[in-house]
Amino acid sequence: MFSIDDSVNLSLSEAPDQKISLTFDNPTMQNFFRKWCQFKKVYEKEKAEILAIEDEDKRQEELDKLSATQDEWKLRAMGTTIGCHTIVKKATEGNDIKTYDLT
């Protein structure tokens, strides 16, 4: 998290319920987290449906498939977002963001 804060404009805030929010003023980071959020919603919905399956073997088989899908998504996300082909760095002047595509 410290490295991310050093690289992009990261804002932290605490809500009254003691939850912490992270906000990125960077389109690359915003896009990554938007896609991750969308994936997690689908993943959690499917997981809940699978956990309702009564047959233990069938339930485990479906959980394994879902886990493989999650792993595949993570690998694809790492290969197409920050950390693999893109460098995001704060500029020394002001708070400008510079990105470099390494592909």
PDB file of N, CA and C in Angstrom:
ATOM      1  N   MET A   1       0.822  -1.190   0.000  1.00  0.00           N
ATOM      2  CA  MET A   1       0.000   0.000   0.000  1.00  0.00           C
ATOM      3  C   MET A   1       0.869   1.257   0.000  1.00  0.00           C
ATOM      4  N   PHE A   2       1.992   1.208   0.699  1.00  0.00           N
ATOM      5  CA  PHE A   2       2.871   2.373   0.710  1.00  0.00           C
ATOM      6  C   PHE A   2       3.403   2.655  -0.697  1.00  0.00           C
ATOM      7  N   SER A   3       3.725   1.595  -1.429  1.00  0.00           N
ATOM      8  CA  SER A   3       4.218   1.762  -2.800  1.00  0.00           C
ATOM      9  C   SER A   3       3.150   2.367  -3.694  1.00  0.00           C
ATOM     10  N   ILE A   4       1.917   1.926  -3.532  1.00  0.00           N
ATOM     11  CA  ILE A   4       0.826   2.486  -4.325  1.00  0.00           C
ATOM     12  C   ILE A   4       0.671   3.965  -3.993  1.00  0.00           C
ATOM     13  N   ASP A   5       0.725   4.298  -2.700  1.00  0.00           N
ATOM     14  CA  ASP A   5       0.598   5.689  -2.282  1.00  0.00           C
ATOM     15  C   ASP A   5       1.733   6.542  -2.847  1.00  0.00           C
ATOM     16  N   ASP A   6       2.909   5.968  -2.955  1.00  0.00           N
ATOM     17  CA  ASP A   6       4.043   6.698  -3.527  1.00  0.00           C
ATOM     18  C   ASP A   6       3.886   6.897  -5.035  1.00  0.00           C
ATOM     19  N   SER A   7       3.115   6.022  -5.687  1.00  0.00           N
ATOM     20  CA  SER A   7       3.001   6.037  -7.143  1.00  0.00           C
ATOM     21  C   SER A   7       1.831   6.854  -7.672  1.00  0.00           C
ATOM     22  N   VAL A   8       0.721   6.869  -6.963  1.00  0.00           N
ATOM     23  CA  VAL A   8      -0.483   7.555  -7.444  1.00  0.00           C
ATOM     24  C   VAL A   8      -1.082   8.378  -6.315  1.00  0.00           C
ATOM     25  N   ASN A   9      -1.994   9.270  -6.674  1.00  0.00           N
ATOM     26  CA  ASN A   9      -2.690  10.054  -5.662  1.00  0.00           C
ATOM     27  C   ASN A   9      -3.712   9.164  -4.965  1.00  0.00           C
ATOM     28  N   LEU A  10      -3.411   8.780  -3.747  1.00  0.00           N
ATOM     29  CA  LEU A  10      -4.252   7.904  -2.945  1.00  0.00           C
ATOM     30  C   LEU A  10      -4.783   8.701  -1.772  1.00  0.00           C
ATOM     31  N   SER A  11      -6.093   8.676  -1.584  1.00  0.00           N
ATOM     32  CA  SER A  11      -6.704   9.336  -0.435  1.00  0.00           C
ATOM     33  C   SER A  11      -7.337   8.280   0.455  1.00  0.00           C
ATOM     34  N   LEU A  12      -7.175   8.436   1.748  1.00  0.00           N
ATOM     35  CA  LEU A  12      -7.769   7.536   2.729  1.00  0.00           C
ATOM     36  C   LEU A  12      -8.773   8.315   3.558  1.00  0.00           C
ATOM     37  N   SER A  13      -9.888   7.683   3.894  1.00  0.00           N
ATOM     38  CA  SER A  13     -10.855   8.323   4.784  1.00  0.00           C
ATOM     39  C   SER A  13     -11.516   7.258   5.634  1.00  0.00           C
ATOM     40  N   GLU A  14     -11.900   7.655   6.837  1.00  0.00           N
ATOM     41  CA  GLU A  14     -12.547   6.739   7.773  1.00  0.00           C
ATOM     42  C   GLU A  14     -14.000   7.158   7.943  1.00  0.00           C
ATOM     43  N   ALA A  15     -14.902   6.208   7.787  1.00  0.00           N
ATOM     44  CA  ALA A  15     -16.332   6.464   7.950  1.00  0.00           C
ATOM     45  C   ALA A  15     -16.712   6.287   9.417  1.00  0.00           C
ATOM     46  N   PRO A  16     -17.873   6.809   9.816  1.00  0.00           N
ATOM     47  CA  PRO A  16     -18.300   6.660  11.216  1.00  0.00           C
ATOM     48  C   PRO A  16     -18.370   5.205  11.689  1.00  0.00           C
ATOM     49  N   ASP A  17     -18.638   4.270  10.783  1.00  0.00           N
ATOM     50  CA  ASP A  17     -18.702   2.856  11.163  1.00  0.00           C
ATOM     51  C   ASP A  17     -17.312   2.217  11.213  1.00  0.00           C
ATOM     52  N   GLN A  18     -16.270   3.035  11.136  1.00  0.00           N
ATOM     53  CA  GLN A  18     -14.861   2.658  11.215  1.00  0.00           C
ATOM     54  C   GLN A  18     -14.363   1.918   9.973  1.00  0.00           C
ATOM     55  N   LYS A  19     -15.139   1.911   8.894  1.00  0.00           N
ATOM     56  CA  LYS A  19     -14.645   1.370   7.630  1.00  0.00           C
ATOM     57  C   LYS A  19     -13.720   2.401   7.003  1.00  0.00           C
ATOM     58  N   ILE A  20     -12.710   1.913   6.311  1.00  0.00           N
ATOM     59  CA  ILE A  20     -11.741   2.779   5.665  1.00  0.00           C
ATOM     60  C   ILE A  20     -11.986   2.760   4.159  1.00  0.00           C
ATOM     61  N   SER A  21     -11.996   3.917   3.550  1.00  0.00           N
ATOM     62  CA  SER A  21     -12.158   4.033   2.099  1.00  0.00           C
ATOM     63  C   SER A  21     -10.851   4.499   1.488  1.00  0.00           C
ATOM     64  N   LEU A  22     -10.513   3.892   0.353  1.00  0.00           N
ATOM     65  CA  LEU A  22      -9.358   4.313  -0.429  1.00  0.00           C
ATOM     66  C   LEU A  22      -9.883   4.894  -1.730  1.00  0.00           C
ATOM     67  N   THR A  23      -9.373   6.041  -2.124  1.00  0.00           N
ATOM     68  CA  THR A  23      -9.785   6.688  -3.355  1.00  0.00           C
ATOM     69  C   THR A  23      -8.542   6.982  -4.175  1.00  0.00           C
ATOM     70  N   PHE A  24      -8.601   6.636  -5.463  1.00  0.00           N
ATOM     71  CA  PHE A  24      -7.478   6.859  -6.363  1.00  0.00           C
ATOM     72  C   PHE A  24      -7.859   7.915  -7.376  1.00  0.00           C
ATOM     73  N   ASP A  25      -7.038   8.946  -7.497  1.00  0.00           N
ATOM     74  CA  ASP A  25      -7.237   9.957  -8.518  1.00  0.00           C
ATOM     75  C   ASP A  25      -6.335   9.600  -9.695  1.00  0.00           C
ATOM     76  N   ASN A  26      -6.652   8.451 -10.305  1.00  0.00           N
ATOM     77  CA  ASN A  26      -5.848   7.943 -11.407  1.00  0.00           C
ATOM     78  C   ASN A  26      -6.725   7.028 -12.244  1.00  0.00           C
ATOM     79  N   PRO A  27      -6.927   7.323 -13.519  1.00  0.00           N
ATOM     80  CA  PRO A  27      -7.832   6.528 -14.352  1.00  0.00           C
ATOM     81  C   PRO A  27      -7.443   5.056 -14.460  1.00  0.00           C
ATOM     82  N   THR A  28      -6.161   4.749 -14.499  1.00  0.00           N
ATOM     83  CA  THR A  28      -5.730   3.356 -14.610  1.00  0.00           C
ATOM     84  C   THR A  28      -6.141   2.580 -13.371  1.00  0.00           C
ATOM     85  N   MET A  29      -5.897   3.153 -12.213  1.00  0.00           N
ATOM     86  CA  MET A  29      -6.269   2.483 -10.960  1.00  0.00           C
ATOM     87  C   MET A  29      -7.790   2.392 -10.828  1.00  0.00           C
ATOM     88  N   GLN A  30      -8.484   3.465 -11.187  1.00  0.00           N
ATOM     89  CA  GLN A  30      -9.947   3.453 -11.102  1.00  0.00           C
ATOM     90  C   GLN A  30     -10.531   2.359 -11.991  1.00  0.00           C
ATOM     91  N   ASN A  31     -10.020   2.231 -13.193  1.00  0.00           N
ATOM     92  CA  ASN A  31     -10.505   1.209 -14.117  1.00  0.00           C
ATOM     93  C   ASN A  31     -10.239  -0.189 -13.578  1.00  0.00           C
ATOM     94  N   PHE A  32      -9.034  -0.402 -13.030  1.00  0.00           N
ATOM     95  CA  PHE A  32      -8.702  -1.710 -12.464  1.00  0.00           C
ATOM     96  C   PHE A  32      -9.659  -2.081 -11.333  1.00  0.00           C
ATOM     97  N   PHE A  33      -9.865  -1.163 -10.394  1.00  0.00           N
ATOM     98  CA  PHE A  33     -10.738  -1.462  -9.254  1.00  0.00           C
ATOM     99  C   PHE A  33     -12.195  -1.562  -9.665  1.00  0.00           C
ATOM    100  N   ARG A  34     -12.618  -0.820 -10.679  1.00  0.00           N
ATOM    101  CA  ARG A  34     -13.989  -0.946 -11.188  1.00  0.00           C
ATOM    102  C   ARG A  34     -14.221  -2.361 -11.723  1.00  0.00           C
ATOM    103  N   LYS A  35     -13.271  -2.852 -12.519  1.00  0.00           N
ATOM    104  CA  LYS A  35     -13.395  -4.204 -13.073  1.00  0.00           C
ATOM    105  C   LYS A  35     -13.346  -5.253 -11.965  1.00  0.00           C
ATOM    106  N   TRP A  36     -12.478  -5.042 -10.988  1.00  0.00           N
ATOM    107  CA  TRP A  36     -12.375  -5.981  -9.873  1.00  0.00           C
ATOM    108  C   TRP A  36     -13.691  -6.020  -9.093  1.00  0.00           C
ATOM    109  N   CYS A  37     -14.272  -4.872  -8.863  1.00  0.00           N
ATOM    110  CA  CYS A  37     -15.550  -4.795  -8.147  1.00  0.00           C
ATOM    111  C   CYS A  37     -16.638  -5.554  -8.904  1.00  0.00           C
ATOM    112  N   GLN A  38     -16.697  -5.351 -10.211  1.00  0.00           N
ATOM    113  CA  GLN A  38     -17.694  -6.048 -11.022  1.00  0.00           C
ATOM    114  C   GLN A  38     -17.483  -7.560 -10.959  1.00  0.00           C
ATOM    115  N   PHE A  39     -16.221  -7.988 -11.052  1.00  0.00           N
ATOM    116  CA  PHE A  39     -15.930  -9.415 -10.982  1.00  0.00           C
ATOM    117  C   PHE A  39     -16.337  -9.980  -9.622  1.00  0.00           C
ATOM    118  N   LYS A  40     -16.000  -9.268  -8.542  1.00  0.00           N
ATOM    119  CA  LYS A  40     -16.320  -9.766  -7.202  1.00  0.00           C
ATOM    120  C   LYS A  40     -17.820  -9.926  -6.982  1.00  0.00           C
ATOM    121  N   LYS A  41     -18.614  -9.008  -7.529  1.00  0.00           N
ATOM    122  CA  LYS A  41     -20.069  -9.116  -7.385  1.00  0.00           C
ATOM    123  C   LYS A  41     -20.576 -10.402  -8.032  1.00  0.00           C
ATOM    124  N   VAL A  42     -20.106 -10.672  -9.241  1.00  0.00           N
ATOM    125  CA  VAL A  42     -20.510 -11.890  -9.944  1.00  0.00           C
ATOM    126  C   VAL A  42     -20.003 -13.119  -9.192  1.00  0.00           C
ATOM    127  N   TYR A  43     -18.737 -13.074  -8.753  1.00  0.00           N
ATOM    128  CA  TYR A  43     -18.122 -14.183  -8.031  1.00  0.00           C
ATOM    129  C   TYR A  43     -18.911 -14.498  -6.760  1.00  0.00           C
ATOM    130  N   GLU A  44     -19.220 -13.499  -5.960  1.00  0.00           N
ATOM    131  CA  GLU A  44     -19.942 -13.720  -4.700  1.00  0.00           C
ATOM    132  C   GLU A  44     -21.343 -14.274  -4.939  1.00  0.00           C
ATOM    133  N   LYS A  45     -22.007 -13.801  -5.989  1.00  0.00           N
ATOM    134  CA  LYS A  45     -23.345 -14.309  -6.315  1.00  0.00           C
ATOM    135  C   LYS A  45     -23.262 -15.786  -6.699  1.00  0.00           C
ATOM    136  N   GLU A  46     -22.320 -16.122  -7.564  1.00  0.00           N
ATOM    137  CA  GLU A  46     -22.172 -17.510  -7.986  1.00  0.00           C
ATOM    138  C   GLU A  46     -21.766 -18.406  -6.815  1.00  0.00           C
ATOM    139  N   LYS A  47     -20.887 -17.910  -5.960  1.00  0.00           N
ATOM    140  CA  LYS A  47     -20.455 -18.698  -4.810  1.00  0.00           C
ATOM    141  C   LYS A  47     -21.633 -19.006  -3.890  1.00  0.00           C
ATOM    142  N   ALA A  48     -22.497 -18.020  -3.647  1.00  0.00           N
ATOM    143  CA  ALA A  48     -23.673 -18.240  -2.806  1.00  0.00           C
ATOM    144  C   ALA A  48     -24.588 -19.306  -3.407  1.00  0.00           C
ATOM    145  N   GLU A  49     -24.757 -19.253  -4.734  1.00  0.00           N
ATOM    146  CA  GLU A  49     -25.592 -20.258  -5.404  1.00  0.00           C
ATOM    147  C   GLU A  49     -24.966 -21.644  -5.283  1.00  0.00           C
ATOM    148  N   ILE A  50     -23.663 -21.732  -5.419  1.00  0.00           N
ATOM    149  CA  ILE A  50     -22.976 -23.020  -5.326  1.00  0.00           C
ATOM    150  C   ILE A  50     -23.075 -23.590  -3.913  1.00  0.00           C
ATOM    151  N   LEU A  51     -22.914 -22.736  -2.917  1.00  0.00           N
ATOM    152  CA  LEU A  51     -22.980 -23.206  -1.529  1.00  0.00           C
ATOM    153  C   LEU A  51     -24.358 -23.755  -1.168  1.00  0.00           C
ATOM    154  N   ALA A  52     -25.365 -23.398  -1.946  1.00  0.00           N
ATOM    155  CA  ALA A  52     -26.711 -23.915  -1.710  1.00  0.00           C
ATOM    156  C   ALA A  52     -26.918 -25.309  -2.303  1.00  0.00           C
ATOM    157  N   ILE A  53     -25.964 -25.794  -3.093  1.00  0.00           N
ATOM    158  CA  ILE A  53     -26.074 -27.133  -3.683  1.00  0.00           C
ATOM    159  C   ILE A  53     -25.954 -28.170  -2.573  1.00  0.00           C
ATOM    160  N   GLU A  54     -26.912 -29.070  -2.511  1.00  0.00           N
ATOM    161  CA  GLU A  54     -26.934 -30.063  -1.431  1.00  0.00           C
ATOM    162  C   GLU A  54     -25.919 -31.178  -1.620  1.00  0.00           C
ATOM    163  N   ASP A  55     -25.756 -31.637  -2.851  1.00  0.00           N
ATOM    164  CA  ASP A  55     -24.804 -32.717  -3.129  1.00  0.00           C
ATOM    165  C   ASP A  55     -23.378 -32.222  -2.894  1.00  0.00           C
ATOM    166  N   GLU A  56     -22.713 -32.800  -1.901  1.00  0.00           N
ATOM    167  CA  GLU A  56     -21.395 -32.329  -1.488  1.00  0.00           C
ATOM    168  C   GLU A  56     -20.357 -32.430  -2.609  1.00  0.00           C
ATOM    169  N   ASP A  57     -20.366 -33.536  -3.339  1.00  0.00           N
ATOM    170  CA  ASP A  57     -19.404 -33.698  -4.433  1.00  0.00           C
ATOM    171  C   ASP A  57     -19.633 -32.667  -5.539  1.00  0.00           C
ATOM    172  N   LYS A  58     -20.882 -32.477  -5.908  1.00  0.00           N
ATOM    173  CA  LYS A  58     -21.232 -31.499  -6.939  1.00  0.00           C
ATOM    174  C   LYS A  58     -20.873 -30.088  -6.464  1.00  0.00           C
ATOM    175  N   ARG A  59     -21.159 -29.785  -5.181  1.00  0.00           N
ATOM    176  CA  ARG A  59     -20.836 -28.470  -4.623  1.00  0.00           C
ATOM    177  C   ARG A  59     -19.328 -28.212  -4.703  1.00  0.00           C
ATOM    178  N   GLN A  60     -18.526 -29.212  -4.310  1.00  0.00           N
ATOM    179  CA  GLN A  60     -17.074 -29.043  -4.340  1.00  0.00           C
ATOM    180  C   GLN A  60     -16.561 -28.889  -5.770  1.00  0.00           C
ATOM    181  N   GLU A  61     -17.129 -29.657  -6.691  1.00  0.00           N
ATOM    182  CA  GLU A  61     -16.741 -29.557  -8.096  1.00  0.00           C
ATOM    183  C   GLU A  61     -16.993 -28.141  -8.617  1.00  0.00           C
ATOM    184  N   GLU A  62     -18.153 -27.584  -8.296  1.00  0.00           N
ATOM    185  CA  GLU A  62     -18.498 -26.236  -8.747  1.00  0.00           C
ATOM    186  C   GLU A  62     -17.635 -25.178  -8.054  1.00  0.00           C
ATOM    187  N   LEU A  63     -17.302 -25.380  -6.771  1.00  0.00           N
ATOM    188  CA  LEU A  63     -16.406 -24.453  -6.068  1.00  0.00           C
ATOM    189  C   LEU A  63     -15.018 -24.459  -6.689  1.00  0.00           C
ATOM    190  N   ASP A  64     -14.552 -25.641  -7.075  1.00  0.00           N
ATOM    191  CA  ASP A  64     -13.248 -25.747  -7.731  1.00  0.00           C
ATOM    192  C   ASP A  64     -13.239 -24.996  -9.067  1.00  0.00           C
ATOM    193  N   LYS A  65     -14.318 -25.132  -9.837  1.00  0.00           N
ATOM    194  CA  LYS A  65     -14.427 -24.416 -11.111  1.00  0.00           C
ATOM    195  C   LYS A  65     -14.426 -22.907 -10.881  1.00  0.00           C
ATOM    196  N   LEU A  66     -15.159 -22.481  -9.865  1.00  0.00           N
ATOM    197  CA  LEU A  66     -15.235 -21.052  -9.564  1.00  0.00           C
ATOM    198  C   LEU A  66     -13.875 -20.518  -9.125  1.00  0.00           C
ATOM    199  N   SER A  67     -13.170 -21.304  -8.343  1.00  0.00           N
ATOM    200  CA  SER A  67     -11.828 -20.908  -7.905  1.00  0.00           C
ATOM    201  C   SER A  67     -10.881 -20.780  -9.096  1.00  0.00           C
ATOM    202  N   ALA A  68     -10.986 -21.704 -10.032  1.00  0.00           N
ATOM    203  CA  ALA A  68     -10.154 -21.645 -11.237  1.00  0.00           C
ATOM    204  C   ALA A  68     -10.483 -20.401 -12.060  1.00  0.00           C
ATOM    205  N   THR A  69     -11.753 -20.055 -12.124  1.00  0.00           N
ATOM    206  CA  THR A  69     -12.169 -18.848 -12.844  1.00  0.00           C
ATOM    207  C   THR A  69     -11.591 -17.602 -12.177  1.00  0.00           C
ATOM    208  N   GLN A  70     -11.624 -17.594 -10.847  1.00  0.00           N
ATOM    209  CA  GLN A  70     -11.062 -16.464 -10.103  1.00  0.00           C
ATOM    210  C   GLN A  70      -9.552 -16.349 -10.353  1.00  0.00           C
ATOM    211  N   ASP A  71      -8.856 -17.474 -10.321  1.00  0.00           N
ATOM    212  CA  ASP A  71      -7.408 -17.462 -10.569  1.00  0.00           C
ATOM    213  C   ASP A  71      -7.101 -16.959 -11.978  1.00  0.00           C
ATOM    214  N   GLU A  72      -7.896 -17.388 -12.956  1.00  0.00           N
ATOM    215  CA  GLU A  72      -7.698 -16.956 -14.333  1.00  0.00           C
ATOM    216  C   GLU A  72      -7.916 -15.445 -14.452  1.00  0.00           C
ATOM    217  N   TRP A  73      -8.962 -14.938 -13.792  1.00  0.00           N
ATOM    218  CA  TRP A  73      -9.225 -13.507 -13.833  1.00  0.00           C
ATOM    219  C   TRP A  73      -8.046 -12.731 -13.245  1.00  0.00           C
ATOM    220  N   LYS A  74      -7.519 -13.188 -12.128  1.00  0.00           N
ATOM    221  CA  LYS A  74      -6.389 -12.509 -11.488  1.00  0.00           C
ATOM    222  C   LYS A  74      -5.181 -12.486 -12.412  1.00  0.00           C
ATOM    223  N   LEU A  75      -4.893 -13.613 -13.067  1.00  0.00           N
ATOM    224  CA  LEU A  75      -3.758 -13.660 -13.986  1.00  0.00           C
ATOM    225  C   LEU A  75      -3.955 -12.702 -15.153  1.00  0.00           C
ATOM    226  N   ARG A  76      -5.171 -12.664 -15.699  1.00  0.00           N
ATOM    227  CA  ARG A  76      -5.446 -11.749 -16.796  1.00  0.00           C
ATOM    228  C   ARG A  76      -5.339 -10.305 -16.333  1.00  0.00           C
ATOM    229  N   ALA A  77      -5.847 -10.018 -15.152  1.00  0.00           N
ATOM    230  CA  ALA A  77      -5.804  -8.652 -14.624  1.00  0.00           C
ATOM    231  C   ALA A  77      -4.366  -8.210 -14.391  1.00  0.00           C
ATOM    232  N   MET A  78      -3.529  -9.109 -13.889  1.00  0.00           N
ATOM    233  CA  MET A  78      -2.128  -8.762 -13.646  1.00  0.00           C
ATOM    234  C   MET A  78      -1.399  -8.521 -14.954  1.00  0.00           C
ATOM    235  N   GLY A  79      -1.793  -9.205 -15.997  1.00  0.00           N
ATOM    236  CA  GLY A  79      -1.116  -9.060 -17.277  1.00  0.00           C
ATOM    237  C   GLY A  79      -1.564  -7.862 -18.080  1.00  0.00           C
ATOM    238  N   THR A  80      -2.673  -7.241 -17.683  1.00  0.00           N
ATOM    239  CA  THR A  80      -3.194  -6.139 -18.480  1.00  0.00           C
ATOM    240  C   THR A  80      -3.348  -4.848 -17.691  1.00  0.00           C
ATOM    241  N   THR A  81      -2.900  -4.833 -16.445  1.00  0.00           N
ATOM    242  CA  THR A  81      -3.044  -3.625 -15.642  1.00  0.00           C
ATOM    243  C   THR A  81      -1.729  -3.302 -14.951  1.00  0.00           C
ATOM    244  N   ILE A  82      -1.795  -2.444 -14.001  1.00  0.00           N
ATOM    245  CA  ILE A  82      -0.614  -2.013 -13.262  1.00  0.00           C
ATOM    246  C   ILE A  82       0.132  -3.228 -12.718  1.00  0.00           C
ATOM    247  N   GLY A  83       1.448  -3.177 -12.793  1.00  0.00           N
ATOM    248  CA  GLY A  83       2.249  -4.237 -12.233  1.00  0.00           C
ATOM    249  C   GLY A  83       2.934  -5.084 -13.272  1.00  0.00           C
ATOM    250  N   CYS A  84       2.470  -5.025 -14.505  1.00  0.00           N
ATOM    251  CA  CYS A  84       3.067  -5.869 -15.517  1.00  0.00           C
ATOM    252  C   CYS A  84       3.505  -5.053 -16.731  1.00  0.00           C
ATOM    253  N   HIS A  85       2.591  -4.303 -17.322  1.00  0.00           N
ATOM    254  CA  HIS A  85       2.906  -3.587 -18.542  1.00  0.00           C
ATOM    255  C   HIS A  85       2.806  -2.078 -18.402  1.00  0.00           C
ATOM    256  N   THR A  86       2.378  -1.601 -17.261  1.00  0.00           N
ATOM    257  CA  THR A  86       2.174  -0.171 -17.092  1.00  0.00           C
ATOM    258  C   THR A  86       2.871   0.296 -15.836  1.00  0.00           C
ATOM    259  N   ILE A  87       3.538   1.424 -15.948  1.00  0.00           N
ATOM    260  CA  ILE A  87       4.109   2.059 -14.763  1.00  0.00           C
ATOM    261  C   ILE A  87       3.333   3.340 -14.538  1.00  0.00           C
ATOM    262  N   VAL A  88       2.858   3.529 -13.331  1.00  0.00           N
ATOM    263  CA  VAL A  88       2.160   4.754 -12.974  1.00  0.00           C
ATOM    264  C   VAL A  88       3.023   5.431 -11.931  1.00  0.00           C
ATOM    265  N   LYS A  89       3.309   6.714 -12.145  1.00  0.00           N
ATOM    266  CA  LYS A  89       4.244   7.389 -11.265  1.00  0.00           C
ATOM    267  C   LYS A  89       3.845   8.838 -11.076  1.00  0.00           C
ATOM    268  N   LYS A  90       3.903   9.320  -9.843  1.00  0.00           N
ATOM    269  CA  LYS A  90       3.660  10.727  -9.587  1.00  0.00           C
ATOM    270  C   LYS A  90       4.794  11.532 -10.187  1.00  0.00           C
ATOM    271  N   ALA A  91       4.443  12.647 -10.772  1.00  0.00           N
ATOM    272  CA  ALA A  91       5.471  13.539 -11.294  1.00  0.00           C
ATOM    273  C   ALA A  91       6.057  14.342 -10.141  1.00  0.00           C
ATOM    274  N   THR A  92       7.206  14.894 -10.350  1.00  0.00           N
ATOM    275  CA  THR A  92       7.820  15.690  -9.303  1.00  0.00           C
ATOM    276  C   THR A  92       7.203  17.077  -9.229  1.00  0.00           C
ATOM    277  N   GLU A  93       6.584  17.525 -10.321  1.00  0.00           N
ATOM    278  CA  GLU A  93       5.931  18.825 -10.317  1.00  0.00           C
ATOM    279  C   GLU A  93       4.460  18.653  -9.994  1.00  0.00           C
ATOM    280  N   GLY A  94       3.997  19.224  -8.905  1.00  0.00           N
ATOM    281  CA  GLY A  94       2.580  19.141  -8.546  1.00  0.00           C
ATOM    282  C   GLY A  94       2.145  17.712  -8.314  1.00  0.00           C
ATOM    283  N   ASN A  95       0.911  17.390  -8.687  1.00  0.00           N
ATOM    284  CA  ASN A  95       0.379  16.045  -8.517  1.00  0.00           C
ATOM    285  C   ASN A  95       0.029  15.404  -9.844  1.00  0.00           C
ATOM    286  N   ASP A  96       0.712  15.801 -10.913  1.00  0.00           N
ATOM    287  CA  ASP A  96       0.450  15.201 -12.216  1.00  0.00           C
ATOM    288  C   ASP A  96       0.812  13.728 -12.187  1.00  0.00           C
ATOM    289  N   ILE A  97       0.101  12.954 -12.997  1.00  0.00           N
ATOM    290  CA  ILE A  97       0.372  11.523 -13.100  1.00  0.00           C
ATOM    291  C   ILE A  97       0.943  11.253 -14.486  1.00  0.00           C
ATOM    292  N   LYS A  98       2.024  10.499 -14.538  1.00  0.00           N
ATOM    293  CA  LYS A  98       2.592  10.081 -15.809  1.00  0.00           C
ATOM    294  C   LYS A  98       2.472   8.563 -15.889  1.00  0.00           C
ATOM    295  N   THR A  99       2.037   8.041 -17.029  1.00  0.00           N
ATOM    296  CA  THR A  99       1.958   6.593 -17.216  1.00  0.00           C
ATOM    297  C   THR A  99       2.825   6.230 -18.398  1.00  0.00           C
ATOM    298  N   TYR A 100       3.423   5.059 -18.300  1.00  0.00           N
ATOM    299  CA  TYR A 100       4.284   4.547 -19.348  1.00  0.00           C
ATOM    300  C   TYR A 100       3.819   3.152 -19.717  1.00  0.00           C
ATOM    301  N   ASP A 101       3.450   2.947 -20.949  1.00  0.00           N
ATOM    302  CA  ASP A 101       3.046   1.623 -21.417  1.00  0.00           C
ATOM    303  C   ASP A 101       4.282   0.889 -21.887  1.00  0.00           C
ATOM    304  N   LEU A 102       4.577  -0.237 -21.276  1.00  0.00           N
ATOM    305  CA  LEU A 102       5.796  -0.987 -21.589  1.00  0.00           C
ATOM    306  C   LEU A 102       5.570  -2.080 -22.620  1.00  0.00           C
ATOM    307  N   THR A 103       4.349  -2.175 -23.149  1.00  0.00           N
ATOM    308  CA  THR A 103       4.100  -3.233 -24.137  1.00  0.00           C
ATOM    309  C   THR A 103       4.512  -2.801 -25.523  1.00  0.00           C
TER     310      THR A 103
END
